[in-house]
């Protein structure tokens, strides 16, 4: 059974992808389903990602400059579990 990992970025996703790759190297990569969410730059896009996390819960890795959007996503992810 694979585990879902949401990789969330406000840009191209290069940084979050590298962080994810470093973490994934510690586990069997066949057991990880990566979901990349890039160019998340406003409340509407953040809320869409939150709904995707709600529909398919998993680990959330975020690299975002905007502290308000980052907190919105992480707080929602924590509530979702």
Protein backbone atom coordinates (compact mmCIF):
# COMPACT_ATOMS: atom_id res chain seq x y z
CA UNK A 1 0.00 0.00 0.00
CA UNK A 2 1.53 3.31 -1.07
CA UNK A 3 1.68 6.46 1.04
CA UNK A 4 0.73 9.79 -0.48
CA UNK A 5 3.08 12.75 -0.20
CA UNK A 6 1.89 16.22 -1.22
CA UNK A 7 4.77 18.43 -2.38
CA UNK A 8 3.58 22.05 -2.38
CA UNK A 9 5.40 25.06 -3.80
CA UNK A 10 4.69 28.66 -4.72
CA UNK A 11 7.08 28.33 -7.67
CA UNK A 12 8.32 25.60 -10.02
CA UNK A 13 8.58 22.93 -7.32
CA UNK A 14 12.31 22.42 -7.77
CA UNK A 15 13.18 23.01 -4.09
CA UNK A 16 10.32 20.96 -2.66
CA UNK A 17 11.14 18.23 -5.18
CA UNK A 18 14.73 18.07 -3.97
CA UNK A 19 13.66 17.99 -0.34
CA UNK A 20 11.19 15.23 -1.18
CA UNK A 21 13.81 13.26 -3.11
CA UNK A 22 16.18 13.40 -0.14
CA UNK A 23 13.46 12.15 2.19
CA UNK A 24 12.23 9.50 -0.25
CA UNK A 25 15.73 8.06 -0.61
CA UNK A 26 15.29 6.65 2.90
CA UNK A 27 12.28 4.54 1.89
CA UNK A 28 11.16 2.14 -0.82
CA UNK A 29 10.19 4.56 -3.59
CA UNK A 30 7.57 2.09 -4.87
CA UNK A 31 5.60 2.77 -1.71
CA UNK A 32 5.39 6.55 -2.23
CA UNK A 33 2.86 8.33 -4.42
CA UNK A 34 4.09 11.86 -5.07
CA UNK A 35 1.57 14.62 -5.76
CA UNK A 36 3.22 17.85 -6.88
CA UNK A 37 1.30 21.11 -6.44
CA UNK A 38 3.16 24.06 -7.99
CA UNK A 39 2.59 27.79 -8.44
CA UNK A 40 0.29 27.98 -5.40
CA UNK A 41 0.23 31.75 -4.98
CA UNK A 42 -3.18 32.81 -3.68
CA UNK A 43 -5.92 31.79 -1.26
CA UNK A 44 -8.05 30.10 -3.93
CA UNK A 45 -5.15 27.92 -5.09
CA UNK A 46 -4.23 27.10 -1.48
CA UNK A 47 -7.83 26.08 -0.77
CA UNK A 48 -7.82 23.82 -3.85
CA UNK A 49 -4.69 22.08 -2.55
CA UNK A 50 -6.30 21.73 0.88
CA UNK A 51 -9.27 19.99 -0.74
CA UNK A 52 -6.90 17.63 -2.54
CA UNK A 53 -5.20 16.84 0.78
CA UNK A 54 -8.60 16.26 2.36
CA UNK A 55 -9.56 13.87 -0.47
CA UNK A 56 -6.25 12.00 -0.27
CA UNK A 57 -4.56 12.57 3.10
CA UNK A 58 -0.84 12.09 3.42
CA UNK A 59 2.43 13.69 4.32
CA UNK A 60 2.69 17.38 3.36
CA UNK A 61 5.96 19.07 2.43
CA UNK A 62 5.74 22.81 1.76
CA UNK A 63 8.25 25.34 0.41
CA UNK A 64 6.43 28.64 0.21
CA UNK A 65 7.63 32.18 0.86
CA UNK A 66 4.24 33.64 1.81
CA UNK A 67 3.83 32.92 5.53
CA UNK A 68 0.05 33.38 5.44
CA UNK A 69 -0.53 30.84 2.66
CA UNK A 70 2.03 28.44 4.14
CA UNK A 71 0.30 28.60 7.53
CA UNK A 72 -3.14 28.17 5.92
CA UNK A 73 -2.04 24.95 4.22
CA UNK A 74 -0.13 23.54 7.20
CA UNK A 75 -2.93 24.34 9.66
CA UNK A 76 -5.44 22.61 7.39
CA UNK A 77 -3.14 19.62 6.93
CA UNK A 78 -2.79 19.31 10.71
CA UNK A 79 -6.58 19.42 11.13
CA UNK A 80 -6.97 16.75 8.42
CA UNK A 81 -4.35 14.65 10.16
